[in-house]
Structure formats: C-alpha cells, structure tokens
C-alpha atoms as a PDB file:
ATOM      1  CA  UNK A   1       1.658  -6.504  -7.748  1.00  0.00           C
ATOM      2  CA  UNK A   2       5.223  -6.087  -7.620  1.00  0.00           C
ATOM      3  CA  UNK A   3       5.552  -8.636  -4.666  1.00  0.00           C
ATOM      4  CA  UNK A   4       3.492 -11.391  -6.784  1.00  0.00           C
ATOM      5  CA  UNK A   5       5.621 -11.017  -9.600  1.00  0.00           C
ATOM      6  CA  UNK A   6       8.842 -11.241  -7.617  1.00  0.00           C
ATOM      7  CA  UNK A   7       7.690 -14.258  -5.975  1.00  0.00           C
ATOM      8  CA  UNK A   8       7.035 -15.766  -9.223  1.00  0.00           C
ATOM      9  CA  UNK A   9      10.788 -16.018  -9.430  1.00  0.00           C
ATOM     10  CA  UNK A  10      10.956 -18.710  -6.629  1.00  0.00           C
ATOM     11  CA  UNK A  11       7.468 -20.424  -6.521  1.00  0.00           C
ATOM     12  CA  UNK A  12       5.584 -22.477  -9.108  1.00  0.00           C
ATOM     13  CA  UNK A  13       2.388 -20.834  -8.461  1.00  0.00           C
ATOM     14  CA  UNK A  14       1.375 -17.529  -6.663  1.00  0.00           C
ATOM     15  CA  UNK A  15      -2.235 -16.842  -5.691  1.00  0.00           C
ATOM     16  CA  UNK A  16      -2.866 -13.052  -4.891  1.00  0.00           C
ATOM     17  CA  UNK A  17      -5.714 -12.999  -2.661  1.00  0.00           C
ATOM     18  CA  UNK A  18      -7.284  -9.467  -2.437  1.00  0.00           C
ATOM     19  CA  UNK A  19     -10.601  -8.307  -0.294  1.00  0.00           C
ATOM     20  CA  UNK A  20     -11.828  -6.237  -3.147  1.00  0.00           C
ATOM     21  CA  UNK A  21     -12.306  -6.685  -7.014  1.00  0.00           C
ATOM     22  CA  UNK A  22     -10.288  -3.607  -7.946  1.00  0.00           C
ATOM     23  CA  UNK A  23      -6.598  -2.824  -7.382  1.00  0.00           C
ATOM     24  CA  UNK A  24      -4.742   0.161  -6.829  1.00  0.00           C
ATOM     25  CA  UNK A  25      -1.563  -0.793  -8.449  1.00  0.00           C
ATOM     26  CA  UNK A  26      -0.534   0.828 -11.726  1.00  0.00           C
ATOM     27  CA  UNK A  27      -2.179  -0.508 -14.840  1.00  0.00           C
ATOM     28  CA  UNK A  28       1.225  -1.602 -16.186  1.00  0.00           C
ATOM     29  CA  UNK A  29       1.855  -3.744 -13.052  1.00  0.00           C
ATOM     30  CA  UNK A  30      -1.608  -5.031 -12.854  1.00  0.00           C
ATOM     31  CA  UNK A  31      -1.562  -5.832 -16.696  1.00  0.00           C
ATOM     32  CA  UNK A  32       2.082  -7.918 -15.855  1.00  0.00           C
ATOM     33  CA  UNK A  33       0.483  -9.718 -13.090  1.00  0.00           C
ATOM     34  CA  UNK A  34      -2.564 -10.520 -15.013  1.00  0.00           C
ATOM     35  CA  UNK A  35      -0.626 -11.940 -17.815  1.00  0.00           C
ATOM     36  CA  UNK A  36       1.904 -14.117 -15.665  1.00  0.00           C
ATOM     37  CA  UNK A  37       0.842 -17.578 -16.248  1.00  0.00           C
ATOM     38  CA  UNK A  38       2.147 -18.262 -12.568  1.00  0.00           C
ATOM     39  CA  UNK A  39      -0.192 -15.936 -10.998  1.00  0.00           C
ATOM     40  CA  UNK A  40      -3.980 -16.687  -9.905  1.00  0.00           C
ATOM     41  CA  UNK A  41      -6.293 -13.941  -8.619  1.00  0.00           C
ATOM     42  CA  UNK A  42      -8.857 -14.383  -5.964  1.00  0.00           C
ATOM     43  CA  UNK A  43     -10.858 -11.282  -5.801  1.00  0.00           C
ATOM     44  CA  UNK A  44     -13.398 -10.484  -3.113  1.00  0.00           C
ATOM     45  CA  UNK A  45     -11.763 -12.986  -0.613  1.00  0.00           C
ATOM     46  CA  UNK A  46     -10.164 -12.613   2.620  1.00  0.00           C
ATOM     47  CA  UNK A  47      -8.003 -15.108   4.642  1.00  0.00           C
ATOM     48  CA  UNK A  48     -10.151 -16.239   7.778  1.00  0.00           C
ATOM     49  CA  UNK A  49      -7.409 -18.604   9.328  1.00  0.00           C
ATOM     50  CA  UNK A  50      -3.989 -19.852   8.532  1.00  0.00           C
ATOM     51  CA  UNK A  51      -3.558 -23.486   9.608  1.00  0.00           C
ATOM     52  CA  UNK A  52      -1.012 -25.238  11.445  1.00  0.00           C
ATOM     53  CA  UNK A  53       1.304 -22.475  12.778  1.00  0.00           C
ATOM     54  CA  UNK A  54       1.778 -24.608  15.852  1.00  0.00           C
ATOM     55  CA  UNK A  55       3.854 -26.762  14.013  1.00  0.00           C
ATOM     56  CA  UNK A  56       5.588 -23.952  12.660  1.00  0.00           C
ATOM     57  CA  UNK A  57       4.607 -24.227   9.059  1.00  0.00           C
ATOM     58  CA  UNK A  58       1.647 -23.024   6.786  1.00  0.00           C
ATOM     59  CA  UNK A  59      -0.332 -26.175   5.588  1.00  0.00           C
ATOM     60  CA  UNK A  60      -3.550 -24.379   4.134  1.00  0.00           C
ATOM     61  CA  UNK A  61      -5.825 -21.261   4.642  1.00  0.00           C
ATOM     62  CA  UNK A  62      -9.393 -20.936   5.459  1.00  0.00           C
ATOM     63  CA  UNK A  63     -10.707 -18.279   2.860  1.00  0.00           C
ATOM     64  CA  UNK A  64     -14.084 -16.411   2.505  1.00  0.00           C
ATOM     65  CA  UNK A  65     -15.656 -14.586  -0.306  1.00  0.00           C
ATOM     66  CA  UNK A  66     -16.705 -11.342   1.067  1.00  0.00           C
ATOM     67  CA  UNK A  67     -19.392 -11.040  -1.449  1.00  0.00           C
ATOM     68  CA  UNK A  68     -21.111 -14.603  -1.241  1.00  0.00           C
ATOM     69  CA  UNK A  69     -19.904 -15.782   2.164  1.00  0.00           C
ATOM     70  CA  UNK A  70     -18.525 -18.732   0.586  1.00  0.00           C
ATOM     71  CA  UNK A  71     -15.885 -20.209   3.105  1.00  0.00           C
ATOM     72  CA  UNK A  72     -13.459 -22.853   2.104  1.00  0.00           C
ATOM     73  CA  UNK A  73     -10.046 -24.316   2.740  1.00  0.00           C
ATOM     74  CA  UNK A  74      -7.159 -23.647   0.561  1.00  0.00           C
ATOM     75  CA  UNK A  75      -3.953 -25.995   0.636  1.00  0.00           C
ATOM     76  CA  UNK A  76      -0.692 -24.031   0.511  1.00  0.00           C
ATOM     77  CA  UNK A  77       2.889 -24.182   1.843  1.00  0.00           C
ATOM     78  CA  UNK A  78       3.387 -20.899   2.356  1.00  0.00           C
ATOM     79  CA  UNK A  79       2.074 -17.077   3.022  1.00  0.00           C
ATOM     80  CA  UNK A  80       3.238 -13.850   2.254  1.00  0.00           C
ATOM     81  CA  UNK A  81       0.986 -11.072   3.744  1.00  0.00           C
ATOM     82  CA  UNK A  82       1.002  -7.455   2.267  1.00  0.00           C
ATOM     83  CA  UNK A  83      -1.163  -5.463   4.449  1.00  0.00           C
ATOM     84  CA  UNK A  84      -1.284  -2.271   2.203  1.00  0.00           C
ATOM     85  CA  UNK A  85      -0.925   1.304   3.153  1.00  0.00           C
ATOM     86  CA  UNK A  86      -3.366   4.042   3.937  1.00  0.00           C
ATOM     87  CA  UNK A  87      -2.121   7.258   4.457  1.00  0.00           C
ATOM     88  CA  UNK A  88      -2.868   8.765   7.791  1.00  0.00           C
ATOM     89  CA  UNK A  89      -3.807  12.319   6.487  1.00  0.00           C
ATOM     90  CA  UNK A  90      -7.711  12.490   6.935  1.00  0.00           C
ATOM     91  CA  UNK A  91      -7.642  15.219   9.446  1.00  0.00           C
ATOM     92  CA  UNK A  92      -6.500  17.504   6.858  1.00  0.00           C
ATOM     93  CA  UNK A  93      -8.931  16.329   4.019  1.00  0.00           C
ATOM     94  CA  UNK A  94     -11.155  19.672   4.426  1.00  0.00           C
ATOM     95  CA  UNK A  95      -8.362  21.894   4.676  1.00  0.00           C
ATOM     96  CA  UNK A  96      -5.558  20.639   2.172  1.00  0.00           C
ATOM     97  CA  UNK A  97      -5.798  18.883  -1.337  1.00  0.00           C
ATOM     98  CA  UNK A  98      -5.724  15.075  -1.469  1.00  0.00           C
ATOM     99  CA  UNK A  99      -5.682  12.585  -4.446  1.00  0.00           C
ATOM    100  CA  UNK A 100      -8.324   9.901  -4.605  1.00  0.00           C
ATOM    101  CA  UNK A 101      -6.337   7.619  -2.379  1.00  0.00           C
ATOM    102  CA  UNK A 102      -6.114  10.099   0.452  1.00  0.00           C
ATOM    103  CA  UNK A 103      -2.509  11.319   0.067  1.00  0.00           C
ATOM    104  CA  UNK A 104      -1.732  14.915   0.407  1.00  0.00           C
ATOM    105  CA  UNK A 105      -0.844  16.698  -2.832  1.00  0.00           C
ATOM    106  CA  UNK A 106       2.323  19.035  -2.729  1.00  0.00           C
ATOM    107  CA  UNK A 107       3.851  21.148  -5.406  1.00  0.00           C
ATOM    108  CA  UNK A 108       7.879  22.035  -5.168  1.00  0.00           C
ATOM    109  CA  UNK A 109       8.163  18.402  -3.374  1.00  0.00           C
ATOM    110  CA  UNK A 110       6.729  19.481   0.086  1.00  0.00           C
ATOM    111  CA  UNK A 111       4.251  22.552  -0.454  1.00  0.00           C
ATOM    112  CA  UNK A 112       0.593  22.399  -0.047  1.00  0.00           C
ATOM    113  CA  UNK A 113      -1.903  24.699  -1.551  1.00  0.00           C
ATOM    114  CA  UNK A 114      -2.148  26.144   1.965  1.00  0.00           C
ATOM    115  CA  UNK A 115       0.983  29.061   2.392  1.00  0.00           C
ATOM    116  CA  UNK A 116       3.480  28.050   5.265  1.00  0.00           C
ATOM    117  CA  UNK A 117       2.031  24.435   5.094  1.00  0.00           C
ATOM    118  CA  UNK A 118       4.105  21.745   4.202  1.00  0.00           C
ATOM    119  CA  UNK A 119       3.642  17.962   3.942  1.00  0.00           C
ATOM    120  CA  UNK A 120       6.316  15.181   3.861  1.00  0.00           C
ATOM    121  CA  UNK A 121       6.738  11.305   4.476  1.00  0.00           C
ATOM    122  CA  UNK A 122       4.054   8.457   4.339  1.00  0.00           C
ATOM    123  CA  UNK A 123       0.900  11.347   3.906  1.00  0.00           C
ATOM    124  CA  UNK A 124       2.539  12.758   0.797  1.00  0.00           C
ATOM    125  CA  UNK A 125       4.944  10.015  -0.825  1.00  0.00           C
ATOM    126  CA  UNK A 126       2.725   7.119  -2.575  1.00  0.00           C
ATOM    127  CA  UNK A 127       5.630   5.854  -4.423  1.00  0.00           C
ATOM    128  CA  UNK A 128       8.360   4.923  -1.686  1.00  0.00           C
ATOM    129  CA  UNK A 129       6.714   5.437   1.701  1.00  0.00           C
ATOM    130  CA  UNK A 130       9.608   3.773   3.541  1.00  0.00           C
ATOM    131  CA  UNK A 131      11.084   5.352   6.638  1.00  0.00           C
ATOM    132  CA  UNK A 132      14.293   6.386   5.075  1.00  0.00           C
ATOM    133  CA  UNK A 133      12.359   8.470   2.382  1.00  0.00           C
ATOM    134  CA  UNK A 134       9.605   9.829   4.947  1.00  0.00           C
ATOM    135  CA  UNK A 135      13.066  10.778   6.896  1.00  0.00           C
ATOM    136  CA  UNK A 136      14.365  12.591   3.861  1.00  0.00           C
ATOM    137  CA  UNK A 137      11.421  14.478   2.927  1.00  0.00           C
ATOM    138  CA  UNK A 138      10.868  15.301   6.687  1.00  0.00           C
ATOM    139  CA  UNK A 139      14.175  17.214   6.237  1.00  0.00           C
ATOM    140  CA  UNK A 140      13.046  18.818   3.172  1.00  0.00           C
ATOM    141  CA  UNK A 141      10.140  20.107   5.050  1.00  0.00           C
ATOM    142  CA  UNK A 142      12.014  21.388   7.982  1.00  0.00           C
ATOM    143  CA  UNK A 143      14.523  23.339   5.461  1.00  0.00           C
ATOM    144  CA  UNK A 144      11.024  24.941   3.945  1.00  0.00           C
ATOM    145  CA  UNK A 145       9.795  25.789   7.414  1.00  0.00           C
ATOM    146  CA  UNK A 146      12.943  27.381   8.146  1.00  0.00           C
ATOM    147  CA  UNK A 147      12.703  29.391   5.157  1.00  0.00           C
ATOM    148  CA  UNK A 148       9.436  30.236   5.383  1.00  0.00           C
ATOM    149  CA  UNK A 149       9.718  31.622   9.166  1.00  0.00           C
ATOM    150  CA  UNK A 150      12.839  33.689   8.167  1.00  0.00           C
ATOM    151  CA  UNK A 151      10.999  35.139   5.414  1.00  0.00           C
ATOM    152  CA  UNK A 152       7.707  35.672   7.358  1.00  0.00           C
ATOM    153  CA  UNK A 153       9.244  36.730  10.825  1.00  0.00           C
ATOM    154  CA  UNK A 154       9.124  33.731  12.667  1.00  0.00           C
END
C-alpha cells in the first residue's frame, strides 16, 4: 500500500493488481489507499504477460482473474512489481512461536520462547526486513548467543 500511495505522487492513476481479495497491509495503510481517488484495485487478479518489452517499453498487460478465469488486456505505460515477502521460517513452526504470517515471535528483541534460541532478520522482523536491519539484528542475536554461552559454560 505504501508503494501505491507513493506512486500517486507521480502518476495520474495507479492500479493495484493483487492475486487475492484480502491484504496483509495495516488497516490504516489499506484505508488510505482505498480512499485515494488515484488508486484503483483489481483483486483476485494476476499478470499473465507484459506487452512490448522488446521495444524497451510497457504498452499493456495481459491479466487473468483467478476466480473466474476471465482474461483481458489492460493498457498501461508502466509497471511497478512488488513481489511480497514470506518469511523463510516454516522449518521452525512446530518448535517456535510464529505469528499469523509465519514470522518468528521474539521477546527482548531476539529471544524466542526456547531458552538459548534466538531469531533475527527477515524471519523475525516483519516491519523493516531490509538487509541492513537484518545485519543489525543478526549482530544483536550474536551478542545474546555469546552471553548465553558464557552463562551456561559453552
């Protein structure tokens, strides 16, 4: 939603194409986007093809509604692709607490519910997720691991 709202500064119209009928965005961001006159929503829709990349420009998209199967051409002169993010933490789902989207839950910044197990970076940080933030929280976890090992004779 943040990206769609940002793009309205430069575009006369922004069409947000989303494969589902619900969003993971915060309620406030979704409300802002839904009330922005420049943003149109196409839910339950996926991009099947991008027209004219050989000409080094976008002239349109081939879209498909995932519920009805309807396919149509959508003229446009630009495309901004947001791929989303799924935390790669499924392997810990039965051992550590996760939230509804699969992010590992922590307390005291990087500690999990399992004594001596720490989580950081993209599997734990749902807000920022960028590499520099992941590196910073990785350093935090490393310091906590070092303390843990010192306290427990490791």
